[in-house]
């Protein structure tokens, strides 16, 4: 049996692949470590959100919203880009659907 050491190229590739997988736990754990907190309850107090919000994010029942991401940035001084990378957000840009901001025509409003 031979013990093969991981090459630096493979390690770098694995790290990049890990960054691409959506994992809010990595984001929350990094924030806890960065802010020198003890647990999720302390993180919820630091972010000024209810503890169930952190729990729901951890269990993937609630996405990390824009306002919470901004709050994480304000509290930690980590860039939004870094926070998104930590949670595995792969999008180059966050885009909002055109339909959300298109004004409805008068005819469409009457039929609705």
PDB file of N, CA and C in Angstrom:
ATOM      1  N   UNK A   1       0.826  -1.172   0.000  1.00  0.00           N
ATOM      2  CA  UNK A   1       0.000   0.000   0.000  1.00  0.00           C
ATOM      3  C   UNK A   1       0.881   1.250   0.000  1.00  0.00           C
ATOM      4  N   UNK A   2       0.623   2.170  -0.911  1.00  0.00           N
ATOM      5  CA  UNK A   2       1.431   3.378  -0.973  1.00  0.00           C
ATOM      6  C   UNK A   2       0.617   4.563  -0.489  1.00  0.00           C
ATOM      7  N   UNK A   3       1.293   5.457   0.139  1.00  0.00           N
ATOM      8  CA  UNK A   3       0.672   6.683   0.615  1.00  0.00           C
ATOM      9  C   UNK A   3       1.012   7.791  -0.364  1.00  0.00           C
ATOM     10  N   UNK A   4       0.045   8.244  -1.117  1.00  0.00           N
ATOM     11  CA  UNK A   4       0.298   9.307  -2.077  1.00  0.00           C
ATOM     12  C   UNK A   4      -0.062  10.642  -1.436  1.00  0.00           C
ATOM     13  N   UNK A   5       0.883  11.550  -1.477  1.00  0.00           N
ATOM     14  CA  UNK A   5       0.614  12.894  -0.954  1.00  0.00           C
ATOM     15  C   UNK A   5      -0.199  13.657  -1.991  1.00  0.00           C
ATOM     16  N   UNK A   6      -1.079  14.499  -1.500  1.00  0.00           N
ATOM     17  CA  UNK A   6      -1.868  15.311  -2.422  1.00  0.00           C
ATOM     18  C   UNK A   6      -0.979  16.368  -3.051  1.00  0.00           C
ATOM     19  N   UNK A   7      -1.113  16.508  -4.342  1.00  0.00           N
ATOM     20  CA  UNK A   7      -0.337  17.546  -5.009  1.00  0.00           C
ATOM     21  C   UNK A   7      -1.016  18.893  -4.770  1.00  0.00           C
ATOM     22  N   UNK A   8      -0.244  19.981  -4.801  1.00  0.00           N
ATOM     23  CA  UNK A   8      -0.828  21.301  -4.589  1.00  0.00           C
ATOM     24  C   UNK A   8      -1.912  21.630  -5.609  1.00  0.00           C
ATOM     25  N   UNK A   9      -1.762  21.123  -6.827  1.00  0.00           N
ATOM     26  CA  UNK A   9      -2.757  21.383  -7.862  1.00  0.00           C
ATOM     27  C   UNK A   9      -4.089  20.753  -7.473  1.00  0.00           C
ATOM     28  N   UNK A  10      -4.072  19.500  -7.023  1.00  0.00           N
ATOM     29  CA  UNK A  10      -5.308  18.837  -6.627  1.00  0.00           C
ATOM     30  C   UNK A  10      -5.940  19.511  -5.425  1.00  0.00           C
ATOM     31  N   UNK A  11      -5.141  19.942  -4.461  1.00  0.00           N
ATOM     32  CA  UNK A  11      -5.674  20.622  -3.281  1.00  0.00           C
ATOM     33  C   UNK A  11      -6.354  21.919  -3.675  1.00  0.00           C
ATOM     34  N   UNK A  12      -5.724  22.669  -4.564  1.00  0.00           N
ATOM     35  CA  UNK A  12      -6.314  23.934  -5.008  1.00  0.00           C
ATOM     36  C   UNK A  12      -7.614  23.688  -5.756  1.00  0.00           C
ATOM     37  N   UNK A  13      -7.637  22.644  -6.580  1.00  0.00           N
ATOM     38  CA  UNK A  13      -8.849  22.307  -7.319  1.00  0.00           C
ATOM     39  C   UNK A  13      -9.962  21.906  -6.363  1.00  0.00           C
ATOM     40  N   UNK A  14      -9.636  21.098  -5.359  1.00  0.00           N
ATOM     41  CA  UNK A  14     -10.641  20.679  -4.382  1.00  0.00           C
ATOM     42  C   UNK A  14     -11.190  21.870  -3.622  1.00  0.00           C
ATOM     43  N   UNK A  15     -10.332  22.828  -3.245  1.00  0.00           N
ATOM     44  CA  UNK A  15     -10.789  24.013  -2.535  1.00  0.00           C
ATOM     45  C   UNK A  15     -11.739  24.815  -3.402  1.00  0.00           C
ATOM     46  N   UNK A  16     -11.420  24.963  -4.678  1.00  0.00           N
ATOM     47  CA  UNK A  16     -12.298  25.706  -5.572  1.00  0.00           C
ATOM     48  C   UNK A  16     -13.624  24.997  -5.743  1.00  0.00           C
ATOM     49  N   UNK A  17     -13.606  23.665  -5.807  1.00  0.00           N
ATOM     50  CA  UNK A  17     -14.850  22.915  -5.928  1.00  0.00           C
ATOM     51  C   UNK A  17     -15.691  23.069  -4.670  1.00  0.00           C
ATOM     52  N   UNK A  18     -15.041  23.083  -3.502  1.00  0.00           N
ATOM     53  CA  UNK A  18     -15.767  23.279  -2.254  1.00  0.00           C
ATOM     54  C   UNK A  18     -16.432  24.643  -2.224  1.00  0.00           C
ATOM     55  N   UNK A  19     -15.769  25.665  -2.781  1.00  0.00           N
ATOM     56  CA  UNK A  19     -16.334  27.006  -2.807  1.00  0.00           C
ATOM     57  C   UNK A  19     -17.589  27.064  -3.669  1.00  0.00           C
ATOM     58  N   UNK A  20     -17.710  26.152  -4.613  1.00  0.00           N
ATOM     59  CA  UNK A  20     -18.830  26.184  -5.548  1.00  0.00           C
ATOM     60  C   UNK A  20     -20.087  25.517  -5.006  1.00  0.00           C
ATOM     61  N   UNK A  21     -19.981  24.785  -3.940  1.00  0.00           N
ATOM     62  CA  UNK A  21     -21.121  24.066  -3.383  1.00  0.00           C
ATOM     63  C   UNK A  21     -21.817  24.961  -2.370  1.00  0.00           C
ATOM     64  N   UNK A  22     -23.138  25.127  -2.518  1.00  0.00           N
ATOM     65  CA  UNK A  22     -23.887  25.958  -1.581  1.00  0.00           C
ATOM     66  C   UNK A  22     -23.846  25.326  -0.203  1.00  0.00           C
ATOM     67  N   UNK A  23     -23.267  26.037   0.739  1.00  0.00           N
ATOM     68  CA  UNK A  23     -23.154  25.535   2.104  1.00  0.00           C
ATOM     69  C   UNK A  23     -23.225  26.708   3.076  1.00  0.00           C
ATOM     70  N   UNK A  24     -24.430  27.045   3.547  1.00  0.00           N
ATOM     71  CA  UNK A  24     -24.545  28.169   4.479  1.00  0.00           C
ATOM     72  C   UNK A  24     -23.841  27.901   5.805  1.00  0.00           C
ATOM     73  N   UNK A  25     -23.624  26.630   6.151  1.00  0.00           N
ATOM     74  CA  UNK A  25     -22.934  26.313   7.402  1.00  0.00           C
ATOM     75  C   UNK A  25     -21.505  26.841   7.406  1.00  0.00           C
ATOM     76  N   UNK A  26     -20.844  26.763   6.258  1.00  0.00           N
ATOM     77  CA  UNK A  26     -19.473  27.278   6.171  1.00  0.00           C
ATOM     78  C   UNK A  26     -19.468  28.788   6.431  1.00  0.00           C
ATOM     79  N   UNK A  27     -20.460  29.485   5.882  1.00  0.00           N
ATOM     80  CA  UNK A  27     -20.578  30.924   6.108  1.00  0.00           C
ATOM     81  C   UNK A  27     -20.813  31.223   7.586  1.00  0.00           C
ATOM     82  N   UNK A  28     -21.775  30.539   8.196  1.00  0.00           N
ATOM     83  CA  UNK A  28     -22.104  30.788   9.600  1.00  0.00           C
ATOM     84  C   UNK A  28     -20.932  30.436  10.515  1.00  0.00           C
ATOM     85  N   UNK A  29     -20.286  29.305  10.255  1.00  0.00           N
ATOM     86  CA  UNK A  29     -19.145  28.891  11.080  1.00  0.00           C
ATOM     87  C   UNK A  29     -17.983  29.879  10.968  1.00  0.00           C
ATOM     88  N   UNK A  30     -17.744  30.382   9.759  1.00  0.00           N
ATOM     89  CA  UNK A  30     -16.675  31.358   9.559  1.00  0.00           C
ATOM     90  C   UNK A  30     -16.982  32.652  10.300  1.00  0.00           C
ATOM     91  N   UNK A  31     -18.243  33.086  10.252  1.00  0.00           N
ATOM     92  CA  UNK A  31     -18.627  34.298  10.978  1.00  0.00           C
ATOM     93  C   UNK A  31     -18.442  34.120  12.484  1.00  0.00           C
ATOM     94  N   UNK A  32     -18.847  32.975  12.997  1.00  0.00           N
ATOM     95  CA  UNK A  32     -18.682  32.699  14.428  1.00  0.00           C
ATOM     96  C   UNK A  32     -17.202  32.771  14.809  1.00  0.00           C
ATOM     97  N   UNK A  33     -16.363  32.171  13.992  1.00  0.00           N
ATOM     98  CA  UNK A  33     -14.920  32.176  14.263  1.00  0.00           C
ATOM     99  C   UNK A  33     -14.346  33.588  14.121  1.00  0.00           C
ATOM    100  N   UNK A  34     -14.727  34.288  13.058  1.00  0.00           N
ATOM    101  CA  UNK A  34     -14.199  35.625  12.776  1.00  0.00           C
ATOM    102  C   UNK A  34     -14.576  36.625  13.874  1.00  0.00           C
ATOM    103  N   UNK A  35     -15.780  36.477  14.412  1.00  0.00           N
ATOM    104  CA  UNK A  35     -16.267  37.396  15.446  1.00  0.00           C
ATOM    105  C   UNK A  35     -15.959  36.911  16.865  1.00  0.00           C
ATOM    106  N   UNK A  36     -15.242  35.797  16.959  1.00  0.00           N
ATOM    107  CA  UNK A  36     -14.895  35.204  18.262  1.00  0.00           C
ATOM    108  C   UNK A  36     -16.130  34.944  19.124  1.00  0.00           C
ATOM    109  N   UNK A  37     -17.127  34.320  18.517  1.00  0.00           N
ATOM    110  CA  UNK A  37     -18.360  33.994  19.227  1.00  0.00           C
ATOM    111  C   UNK A  37     -18.344  32.525  19.617  1.00  0.00           C
ATOM    112  N   UNK A  38     -19.244  32.161  20.520  1.00  0.00           N
ATOM    113  CA  UNK A  38     -19.267  30.777  21.007  1.00  0.00           C
ATOM    114  C   UNK A  38     -20.218  29.877  20.240  1.00  0.00           C
ATOM    115  N   UNK A  39     -21.345  30.430  19.763  1.00  0.00           N
ATOM    116  CA  UNK A  39     -22.362  29.564  19.161  1.00  0.00           C
ATOM    117  C   UNK A  39     -23.332  30.371  18.299  1.00  0.00           C
ATOM    118  N   UNK A  40     -24.335  29.674  17.769  1.00  0.00           N
ATOM    119  CA  UNK A  40     -25.331  30.311  16.906  1.00  0.00           C
ATOM    120  C   UNK A  40     -26.142  31.368  17.641  1.00  0.00           C
ATOM    121  N   UNK A  41     -26.412  31.152  18.927  1.00  0.00           N
ATOM    122  CA  UNK A  41     -27.181  32.132  19.702  1.00  0.00           C
ATOM    123  C   UNK A  41     -26.421  33.456  19.788  1.00  0.00           C
ATOM    124  N   UNK A  42     -25.122  33.376  20.005  1.00  0.00           N
ATOM    125  CA  UNK A  42     -24.296  34.586  20.053  1.00  0.00           C
ATOM    126  C   UNK A  42     -24.257  35.262  18.681  1.00  0.00           C
ATOM    127  N   UNK A  43     -24.211  34.465  17.619  1.00  0.00           N
ATOM    128  CA  UNK A  43     -24.230  35.015  16.264  1.00  0.00           C
ATOM    129  C   UNK A  43     -25.551  35.721  15.993  1.00  0.00           C
ATOM    130  N   UNK A  44     -26.648  35.124  16.407  1.00  0.00           N
ATOM    131  CA  UNK A  44     -27.953  35.759  16.184  1.00  0.00           C
ATOM    132  C   UNK A  44     -28.035  37.096  16.923  1.00  0.00           C
ATOM    133  N   UNK A  45     -27.462  37.172  18.120  1.00  0.00           N
ATOM    134  CA  UNK A  45     -27.448  38.444  18.854  1.00  0.00           C
ATOM    135  C   UNK A  45     -26.580  39.475  18.131  1.00  0.00           C
ATOM    136  N   UNK A  46     -25.425  39.040  17.625  1.00  0.00           N
ATOM    137  CA  UNK A  46     -24.527  39.953  16.913  1.00  0.00           C
ATOM    138  C   UNK A  46     -25.175  40.489  15.637  1.00  0.00           C
ATOM    139  N   UNK A  47     -25.937  39.633  14.960  1.00  0.00           N
ATOM    140  CA  UNK A  47     -26.593  40.033  13.708  1.00  0.00           C
ATOM    141  C   UNK A  47     -27.956  40.677  13.947  1.00  0.00           C
ATOM    142  N   UNK A  48     -28.402  40.640  15.211  1.00  0.00           N
ATOM    143  CA  UNK A  48     -29.701  41.197  15.595  1.00  0.00           C
ATOM    144  C   UNK A  48     -30.846  40.521  14.849  1.00  0.00           C
ATOM    145  N   UNK A  49     -30.801  39.192  14.810  1.00  0.00           N
ATOM    146  CA  UNK A  49     -31.892  38.392  14.245  1.00  0.00           C
ATOM    147  C   UNK A  49     -32.309  37.361  15.290  1.00  0.00           C
ATOM    148  N   UNK A  50     -33.498  36.830  15.130  1.00  0.00           N
ATOM    149  CA  UNK A  50     -33.986  35.811  16.057  1.00  0.00           C
ATOM    150  C   UNK A  50     -33.189  34.515  15.870  1.00  0.00           C
ATOM    151  N   UNK A  51     -32.918  33.786  16.945  1.00  0.00           N
ATOM    152  CA  UNK A  51     -32.168  32.523  16.832  1.00  0.00           C
ATOM    153  C   UNK A  51     -32.753  31.526  15.825  1.00  0.00           C
ATOM    154  N   UNK A  52     -34.095  31.432  15.682  1.00  0.00           N
ATOM    155  CA  UNK A  52     -34.617  30.488  14.680  1.00  0.00           C
ATOM    156  C   UNK A  52     -34.202  30.816  13.243  1.00  0.00           C
ATOM    157  N   UNK A  53     -33.886  32.079  12.974  1.00  0.00           N
ATOM    158  CA  UNK A  53     -33.430  32.452  11.624  1.00  0.00           C
ATOM    159  C   UNK A  53     -32.111  31.743  11.317  1.00  0.00           C
ATOM    160  N   UNK A  54     -31.184  31.777  12.250  1.00  0.00           N
ATOM    161  CA  UNK A  54     -29.889  31.103  12.056  1.00  0.00           C
ATOM    162  C   UNK A  54     -30.099  29.599  11.915  1.00  0.00           C
ATOM    163  N   UNK A  55     -30.976  29.046  12.743  1.00  0.00           N
ATOM    164  CA  UNK A  55     -31.255  27.606  12.682  1.00  0.00           C
ATOM    165  C   UNK A  55     -31.849  27.212  11.335  1.00  0.00           C
ATOM    166  N   UNK A  56     -32.789  28.007  10.843  1.00  0.00           N
ATOM    167  CA  UNK A  56     -33.423  27.700   9.554  1.00  0.00           C
ATOM    168  C   UNK A  56     -32.425  27.816   8.407  1.00  0.00           C
ATOM    169  N   UNK A  57     -31.526  28.786   8.484  1.00  0.00           N
ATOM    170  CA  UNK A  57     -30.485  28.913   7.456  1.00  0.00           C
ATOM    171  C   UNK A  57     -29.560  27.699   7.513  1.00  0.00           C
ATOM    172  N   UNK A  58     -29.182  27.301   8.709  1.00  0.00           N
ATOM    173  CA  UNK A  58     -28.287  26.151   8.888  1.00  0.00           C
ATOM    174  C   UNK A  58     -28.901  24.866   8.345  1.00  0.00           C
ATOM    175  N   UNK A  59     -30.212  24.723   8.496  1.00  0.00           N
ATOM    176  CA  UNK A  59     -30.901  23.516   8.024  1.00  0.00           C
ATOM    177  C   UNK A  59     -31.477  23.682   6.615  1.00  0.00           C
ATOM    178  N   UNK A  60     -31.076  24.762   5.951  1.00  0.00           N
ATOM    179  CA  UNK A  60     -31.445  25.051   4.555  1.00  0.00           C
ATOM    180  C   UNK A  60     -32.948  25.173   4.345  1.00  0.00           C
ATOM    181  N   UNK A  61     -33.637  25.662   5.348  1.00  0.00           N
ATOM    182  CA  UNK A  61     -35.064  25.931   5.199  1.00  0.00           C
ATOM    183  C   UNK A  61     -35.317  27.398   4.910  1.00  0.00           C
ATOM    184  N   UNK A  62     -34.274  28.213   5.002  1.00  0.00           N
ATOM    185  CA  UNK A  62     -34.373  29.648   4.748  1.00  0.00           C
ATOM    186  C   UNK A  62     -33.090  30.081   4.046  1.00  0.00           C
ATOM    187  N   UNK A  63     -33.219  30.789   2.931  1.00  0.00           N
ATOM    188  CA  UNK A  63     -32.004  31.256   2.256  1.00  0.00           C
ATOM    189  C   UNK A  63     -31.408  32.460   2.986  1.00  0.00           C
ATOM    190  N   UNK A  64     -30.151  32.720   2.721  1.00  0.00           N
ATOM    191  CA  UNK A  64     -29.511  33.921   3.258  1.00  0.00           C
ATOM    192  C   UNK A  64     -29.964  35.076   2.378  1.00  0.00           C
ATOM    193  N   UNK A  65     -30.794  35.935   2.921  1.00  0.00           N
ATOM    194  CA  UNK A  65     -31.339  37.058   2.162  1.00  0.00           C
ATOM    195  C   UNK A  65     -30.344  38.200   2.038  1.00  0.00           C
ATOM    196  N   UNK A  66     -30.665  39.116   1.134  1.00  0.00           N
ATOM    197  CA  UNK A  66     -29.784  40.254   0.880  1.00  0.00           C
ATOM    198  C   UNK A  66     -29.594  41.115   2.123  1.00  0.00           C
ATOM    199  N   UNK A  67     -30.665  41.371   2.859  1.00  0.00           N
ATOM    200  CA  UNK A  67     -30.540  42.230   4.043  1.00  0.00           C
ATOM    201  C   UNK A  67     -29.669  41.571   5.117  1.00  0.00           C
ATOM    202  N   UNK A  68     -29.780  40.258   5.263  1.00  0.00           N
ATOM    203  CA  UNK A  68     -28.942  39.556   6.241  1.00  0.00           C
ATOM    204  C   UNK A  68     -27.485  39.537   5.777  1.00  0.00           C
ATOM    205  N   UNK A  69     -27.278  39.380   4.482  1.00  0.00           N
ATOM    206  CA  UNK A  69     -25.918  39.401   3.941  1.00  0.00           C
ATOM    207  C   UNK A  69     -25.270  40.765   4.196  1.00  0.00           C
ATOM    208  N   UNK A  70     -26.041  41.827   4.018  1.00  0.00           N
ATOM    209  CA  UNK A  70     -25.526  43.174   4.286  1.00  0.00           C
ATOM    210  C   UNK A  70     -25.209  43.327   5.772  1.00  0.00           C
ATOM    211  N   UNK A  71     -26.086  42.807   6.621  1.00  0.00           N
ATOM    212  CA  UNK A  71     -25.849  42.877   8.070  1.00  0.00           C
ATOM    213  C   UNK A  71     -24.578  42.105   8.445  1.00  0.00           C
ATOM    214  N   UNK A  72     -24.372  40.941   7.825  1.00  0.00           N
ATOM    215  CA  UNK A  72     -23.151  40.164   8.071  1.00  0.00           C
ATOM    216  C   UNK A  72     -21.916  40.973   7.682  1.00  0.00           C
ATOM    217  N   UNK A  73     -22.023  41.678   6.564  1.00  0.00           N
ATOM    218  CA  UNK A  73     -20.923  42.526   6.100  1.00  0.00           C
ATOM    219  C   UNK A  73     -20.642  43.645   7.100  1.00  0.00           C
ATOM    220  N   UNK A  74     -21.695  44.301   7.582  1.00  0.00           N
ATOM    221  CA  UNK A  74     -21.526  45.408   8.523  1.00  0.00           C
ATOM    222  C   UNK A  74     -20.881  44.953   9.832  1.00  0.00           C
ATOM    223  N   UNK A  75     -21.290  43.790  10.312  1.00  0.00           N
ATOM    224  CA  UNK A  75     -20.798  43.290  11.599  1.00  0.00           C
ATOM    225  C   UNK A  75     -19.376  42.737  11.491  1.00  0.00           C
ATOM    226  N   UNK A  76     -19.074  42.064  10.384  1.00  0.00           N
ATOM    227  CA  UNK A  76     -17.796  41.349  10.264  1.00  0.00           C
ATOM    228  C   UNK A  76     -16.715  42.095   9.487  1.00  0.00           C
ATOM    229  N   UNK A  77     -17.110  43.104   8.712  1.00  0.00           N
ATOM    230  CA  UNK A  77     -16.195  43.808   7.807  1.00  0.00           C
ATOM    231  C   UNK A  77     -15.651  42.913   6.697  1.00  0.00           C
ATOM    232  N   UNK A  78     -16.247  41.736   6.503  1.00  0.00           N
ATOM    233  CA  UNK A  78     -15.909  40.900   5.350  1.00  0.00           C
ATOM    234  C   UNK A  78     -16.690  41.445   4.159  1.00  0.00           C
ATOM    235  N   UNK A  79     -16.090  41.409   2.982  1.00  0.00           N
ATOM    236  CA  UNK A  79     -16.775  41.934   1.800  1.00  0.00           C
ATOM    237  C   UNK A  79     -17.965  41.046   1.438  1.00  0.00           C
ATOM    238  N   UNK A  80     -18.919  41.639   0.749  1.00  0.00           N
ATOM    239  CA  UNK A  80     -20.076  40.876   0.276  1.00  0.00           C
ATOM    240  C   UNK A  80     -19.594  39.745  -0.630  1.00  0.00           C
ATOM    241  N   UNK A  81     -18.611  40.038  -1.456  1.00  0.00           N
ATOM    242  CA  UNK A  81     -18.061  39.024  -2.365  1.00  0.00           C
ATOM    243  C   UNK A  81     -17.504  37.839  -1.578  1.00  0.00           C
ATOM    244  N   UNK A  82     -16.771  38.128  -0.497  1.00  0.00           N
ATOM    245  CA  UNK A  82     -16.199  37.066   0.330  1.00  0.00           C
ATOM    246  C   UNK A  82     -17.301  36.278   1.040  1.00  0.00           C
ATOM    247  N   UNK A  83     -18.310  36.959   1.552  1.00  0.00           N
ATOM    248  CA  UNK A  83     -19.421  36.277   2.221  1.00  0.00           C
ATOM    249  C   UNK A  83     -20.146  35.351   1.244  1.00  0.00           C
ATOM    250  N   UNK A  84     -20.374  35.835   0.024  1.00  0.00           N
ATOM    251  CA  UNK A  84     -21.042  35.006  -0.990  1.00  0.00           C
ATOM    252  C   UNK A  84     -20.182  33.800  -1.351  1.00  0.00           C
ATOM    253  N   UNK A  85     -18.863  34.009  -1.435  1.00  0.00           N
ATOM    254  CA  UNK A  85     -17.962  32.896  -1.742  1.00  0.00           C
ATOM    255  C   UNK A  85     -18.000  31.856  -0.628  1.00  0.00           C
ATOM    256  N   UNK A  86     -18.042  32.313   0.607  1.00  0.00           N
ATOM    257  CA  UNK A  86     -18.080  31.390   1.744  1.00  0.00           C
ATOM    258  C   UNK A  86     -19.316  30.503   1.727  1.00  0.00           C
ATOM    259  N   UNK A  87     -20.437  31.058   1.286  1.00  0.00           N
ATOM    260  CA  UNK A  87     -21.649  30.230   1.279  1.00  0.00           C
ATOM    261  C   UNK A  87     -21.814  29.477  -0.037  1.00  0.00           C
ATOM    262  N   UNK A  88     -20.890  29.707  -0.985  1.00  0.00           N
ATOM    263  CA  UNK A  88     -20.924  28.945  -2.225  1.00  0.00           C
ATOM    264  C   UNK A  88     -21.815  29.538  -3.292  1.00  0.00           C
ATOM    265  N   UNK A  89     -22.069  30.836  -3.220  1.00  0.00           N
ATOM    266  CA  UNK A  89     -22.877  31.499  -4.246  1.00  0.00           C
ATOM    267  C   UNK A  89     -22.009  31.658  -5.484  1.00  0.00           C
ATOM    268  N   UNK A  90     -22.373  30.971  -6.565  1.00  0.00           N
ATOM    269  CA  UNK A  90     -21.537  30.919  -7.763  1.00  0.00           C
ATOM    270  C   UNK A  90     -21.873  31.986  -8.790  1.00  0.00           C
ATOM    271  N   UNK A  91     -22.938  32.729  -8.575  1.00  0.00           N
ATOM    272  CA  UNK A  91     -23.347  33.697  -9.591  1.00  0.00           C
ATOM    273  C   UNK A  91     -22.348  34.840  -9.681  1.00  0.00           C
ATOM    274  N   UNK A  92     -22.073  35.264 -10.903  1.00  0.00           N
ATOM    275  CA  UNK A  92     -21.173  36.396 -11.086  1.00  0.00           C
ATOM    276  C   UNK A  92     -21.854  37.681 -10.626  1.00  0.00           C
ATOM    277  N   UNK A  93     -23.159  37.764 -10.875  1.00  0.00           N
ATOM    278  CA  UNK A  93     -23.947  38.920 -10.458  1.00  0.00           C
ATOM    279  C   UNK A  93     -25.263  38.429  -9.904  1.00  0.00           C
ATOM    280  N   UNK A  94     -25.798  39.187  -8.975  1.00  0.00           N
ATOM    281  CA  UNK A  94     -27.127  38.883  -8.457  1.00  0.00           C
ATOM    282  C   UNK A  94     -28.100  39.654  -9.322  1.00  0.00           C
ATOM    283  N   UNK A  95     -28.977  38.961  -9.994  1.00  0.00           N
ATOM    284  CA  UNK A  95     -29.913  39.613 -10.911  1.00  0.00           C
ATOM    285  C   UNK A  95     -31.333  39.476 -10.406  1.00  0.00           C
ATOM    286  N   UNK A  96     -32.069  40.549 -10.554  1.00  0.00           N
ATOM    287  CA  UNK A  96     -33.480  40.551 -10.204  1.00  0.00           C
ATOM    288  C   UNK A  96     -34.260  40.464 -11.505  1.00  0.00           C
ATOM    289  N   UNK A  97     -35.310  39.695 -11.493  1.00  0.00           N
ATOM    290  CA  UNK A  97     -36.127  39.508 -12.682  1.00  0.00           C
ATOM    291  C   UNK A  97     -36.701  40.837 -13.163  1.00  0.00           C
ATOM    292  N   UNK A  98     -36.760  41.003 -14.488  1.00  0.00           N
ATOM    293  CA  UNK A  98     -37.368  42.201 -15.068  1.00  0.00           C
ATOM    294  C   UNK A  98     -38.825  42.335 -14.657  1.00  0.00           C
ATOM    295  N   UNK A  99     -39.494  41.205 -14.502  1.00  0.00           N
ATOM    296  CA  UNK A  99     -40.917  41.219 -14.175  1.00  0.00           C
ATOM    297  C   UNK A  99     -41.187  41.867 -12.826  1.00  0.00           C
ATOM    298  N   UNK A 100     -40.223  41.841 -11.931  1.00  0.00           N
ATOM    299  CA  UNK A 100     -40.427  42.412 -10.605  1.00  0.00           C
ATOM    300  C   UNK A 100     -40.519  43.932 -10.635  1.00  0.00           C
ATOM    301  N   UNK A 101     -39.933  44.562 -11.635  1.00  0.00           N
ATOM    302  CA  UNK A 101     -39.910  46.014 -11.661  1.00  0.00           C
ATOM    303  C   UNK A 101     -40.589  46.624 -12.875  1.00  0.00           C
ATOM    304  N   UNK A 102     -41.177  45.808 -13.750  1.00  0.00           N
ATOM    305  CA  UNK A 102     -41.874  46.351 -14.907  1.00  0.00           C
ATOM    306  C   UNK A 102     -43.220  46.907 -14.476  1.00  0.00           C
ATOM    307  N   UNK A 103     -43.505  48.146 -14.841  1.00  0.00           N
ATOM    308  CA  UNK A 103     -44.838  48.671 -14.525  1.00  0.00           C
ATOM    309  C   UNK A 103     -45.885  47.967 -15.383  1.00  0.00           C
ATOM    310  N   UNK A 104     -47.024  47.686 -14.779  1.00  0.00           N
ATOM    311  CA  UNK A 104     -48.096  47.037 -15.527  1.00  0.00           C
ATOM    312  C   UNK A 104     -48.830  48.078 -16.361  1.00  0.00           C
ATOM    313  N   UNK A 105     -49.262  47.670 -17.547  1.00  0.00           N
ATOM    314  CA  UNK A 105     -50.064  48.550 -18.392  1.00  0.00           C
ATOM    315  C   UNK A 105     -51.469  48.613 -17.821  1.00  0.00           C
ATOM    316  N   UNK A 106     -52.192  49.647 -18.166  1.00  0.00           N
ATOM    317  CA  UNK A 106     -53.545  49.854 -17.646  1.00  0.00           C
ATOM    318  C   UNK A 106     -54.452  48.681 -17.996  1.00  0.00           C
ATOM    319  N   UNK A 107     -54.317  48.114 -19.202  1.00  0.00           N
ATOM    320  CA  UNK A 107     -55.155  46.997 -19.633  1.00  0.00           C
ATOM    321  C   UNK A 107     -54.863  45.770 -18.775  1.00  0.00           C
ATOM    322  N   UNK A 108     -53.593  45.515 -18.486  1.00  0.00           N
ATOM    323  CA  UNK A 108     -53.216  44.367 -17.664  1.00  0.00           C
ATOM    324  C   UNK A 108     -53.760  44.509 -16.253  1.00  0.00           C
ATOM    325  N   UNK A 109     -53.783  45.727 -15.715  1.00  0.00           N
ATOM    326  CA  UNK A 109     -54.293  45.953 -14.367  1.00  0.00           C
ATOM    327  C   UNK A 109     -55.790  45.676 -14.296  1.00  0.00           C
ATOM    328  N   UNK A 110     -56.517  46.080 -15.339  1.00  0.00           N
ATOM    329  CA  UNK A 110     -57.965  45.874 -15.359  1.00  0.00           C
ATOM    330  C   UNK A 110     -58.305  44.391 -15.435  1.00  0.00           C
ATOM    331  N   UNK A 111     -57.521  43.613 -16.180  1.00  0.00           N
ATOM    332  CA  UNK A 111     -57.776  42.183 -16.339  1.00  0.00           C
ATOM    333  C   UNK A 111     -57.322  41.378 -15.122  1.00  0.00           C
ATOM    334  N   UNK A 112     -56.464  41.920 -14.331  1.00  0.00           N
ATOM    335  CA  UNK A 112     -55.923  41.180 -13.179  1.00  0.00           C
ATOM    336  C   UNK A 112     -56.891  41.054 -12.037  1.00  0.00           C
TER     337      UNK A 112
END
